[in-house]
Amino acid sequence: MIQKISWDDIPEEQVNPSMKRKLLYGDKVMLARMKFKDGFLVPLHSHENEQVTQVSVGTIRFWFGANKEQVVDVHAGESVVIPANLPHAALMIGDVEETDTWAPPRKDWLDGTDDYLRK
């Protein structure tokens, strides 16, 4: 079944005081439009999902690897592809707006077990 959806019609979730998101998903892919306040840190984590992050406002500094050995800054207008199961953390530099795409969809985000973000 074809669904036409407007981002304006998707409810915004306040995940924590520094993070808001809207989720759009099908059976095999998920998109999230997110807004973060300056200085928010996403702790080191990994997941089975391949991830593409597209930054539209601000900068995200990513650390990749179990020991955070690789550092990559992704600025507005840039994207990064994160392979499945790669440990990563992220720091928001300035207020950030970005869109993440995952395949498959993030079950922990759908069922509310994404505790690492809810602190």
Protein backbone atom coordinates (compact mmCIF):
# COMPACT_ATOMS: atom_id res chain seq x y z
CA MET A 1 0.00 0.00 0.00
CA ILE A 2 1.31 3.45 -0.93
CA GLN A 3 1.30 6.08 1.84
CA LYS A 4 1.84 9.76 1.29
CA ILE A 5 3.05 11.38 4.51
CA SER A 6 3.94 14.95 5.41
CA TRP A 7 6.65 15.55 8.03
CA ASP A 8 4.31 18.23 9.41
CA ASP A 9 1.77 15.51 10.30
CA ILE A 10 4.24 13.33 12.23
CA PRO A 11 4.22 13.97 15.99
CA GLU A 12 7.50 15.21 17.47
CA GLU A 13 8.87 13.22 20.40
CA GLN A 14 10.88 14.96 23.13
CA VAL A 15 13.36 12.14 23.86
CA ASN A 16 15.29 14.14 26.47
CA PRO A 17 15.73 17.87 27.23
CA SER A 18 18.26 18.22 24.37
CA MET A 19 16.78 15.94 21.69
CA LYS A 20 13.57 15.91 19.62
CA ARG A 21 12.74 13.53 16.78
CA LYS A 22 10.11 12.56 14.22
CA LEU A 23 10.07 8.99 12.88
CA LEU A 24 8.95 7.76 9.48
CA TYR A 25 9.33 4.08 8.68
CA GLY A 26 8.26 1.16 6.57
CA ASP A 27 9.05 -2.53 6.84
CA LYS A 28 12.71 -2.27 5.79
CA VAL A 29 13.84 1.33 6.30
CA MET A 30 13.43 4.13 8.87
CA LEU A 31 14.04 7.89 8.68
CA ALA A 32 14.33 10.19 11.66
CA ARG A 33 14.38 13.98 11.53
CA MET A 34 16.08 15.20 14.67
CA LYS A 35 16.95 18.41 16.47
CA PHE A 36 19.68 18.57 19.11
CA LYS A 37 20.86 21.33 21.41
CA ASP A 38 24.52 22.39 21.38
CA GLY A 39 26.73 20.13 23.48
CA PHE A 40 24.46 17.06 23.51
CA LEU A 41 26.51 13.87 23.55
CA VAL A 42 25.22 10.60 22.12
CA PRO A 43 27.14 7.97 24.14
CA LEU A 44 29.19 5.22 22.53
CA HIS A 45 26.85 2.56 21.16
CA SER A 46 26.40 0.23 18.21
CA HIS A 47 23.47 -1.39 16.45
CA GLU A 48 22.72 -3.95 13.76
CA ASN A 49 21.36 -1.20 11.50
CA GLU A 50 23.32 0.46 8.73
CA GLN A 51 23.01 4.23 9.25
CA VAL A 52 23.25 7.26 6.98
CA THR A 53 23.40 10.64 8.75
CA GLN A 54 22.72 13.83 6.77
CA VAL A 55 23.44 17.10 8.61
CA SER A 56 21.39 20.14 7.56
CA VAL A 57 22.29 22.59 10.39
CA GLY A 58 25.35 22.61 12.66
CA THR A 59 28.15 20.07 12.99
CA ILE A 60 28.29 16.57 14.46
CA ARG A 61 31.63 15.24 15.68
CA PHE A 62 31.63 11.44 15.48
CA TRP A 63 34.02 9.06 17.17
CA PHE A 64 34.20 5.62 15.55
CA GLY A 65 35.57 2.36 16.95
CA ALA A 66 35.48 0.71 20.37
CA ASN A 67 38.28 3.03 21.55
CA LYS A 68 36.97 6.07 19.62
CA GLU A 69 40.09 5.88 17.45
CA GLN A 70 38.65 7.68 14.41
CA VAL A 71 37.19 11.21 14.60
CA VAL A 72 35.07 12.69 11.80
CA ASP A 73 33.32 16.08 11.80
CA VAL A 74 30.21 16.17 9.61
CA HIS A 75 29.07 19.70 8.73
CA ALA A 76 25.82 21.09 7.30
CA GLY A 77 25.40 19.76 3.75
CA GLU A 78 27.51 16.65 4.45
CA SER A 79 26.63 13.03 5.19
CA VAL A 80 28.32 9.98 6.66
CA VAL A 81 27.57 6.27 6.14
CA ILE A 82 28.01 4.19 9.31
CA PRO A 83 28.32 0.43 8.79
CA ALA A 84 26.25 -1.94 10.93
CA ASN A 85 27.74 -2.88 14.33
CA LEU A 86 30.42 -0.14 14.28
CA PRO A 87 30.67 1.48 17.73
CA HIS A 88 30.19 5.25 17.53
CA ALA A 89 29.52 8.32 19.68
CA ALA A 90 28.54 11.83 18.61
CA LEU A 91 28.81 15.38 19.95
CA MET A 92 26.57 18.19 18.71
CA ILE A 93 28.58 21.32 17.92
CA GLY A 94 26.08 24.16 17.78
CA ASP A 95 22.38 23.44 17.56
CA VAL A 96 22.03 20.57 15.08
CA GLU A 97 19.30 19.47 12.70
CA GLU A 98 19.85 16.22 10.85
CA THR A 99 18.15 13.26 9.23
CA ASP A 100 19.17 9.68 9.92
CA THR A 101 18.23 6.72 7.75
CA TRP A 102 18.49 3.15 9.04
CA ALA A 103 18.05 -0.25 7.47
CA PRO A 104 16.42 -2.19 8.96
CA PRO A 105 14.27 0.11 11.17
CA ARG A 106 15.48 0.69 14.74
CA LYS A 107 13.31 -1.59 16.90
CA ASP A 108 14.66 0.02 20.09
CA TRP A 109 13.41 3.41 18.90
CA LEU A 110 9.98 2.01 18.09
CA ASP A 111 9.49 0.13 21.36
CA GLY A 112 11.08 2.77 23.63
CA THR A 113 14.04 0.68 24.83
CA ASP A 114 16.60 3.24 23.59
CA ASP A 115 17.61 4.04 27.19
CA TYR A 116 21.05 5.34 26.20
CA LEU A 117 19.30 8.43 24.76
CA ARG A 118 16.67 8.98 27.45
CA LYS A 119 18.96 10.16 30.26
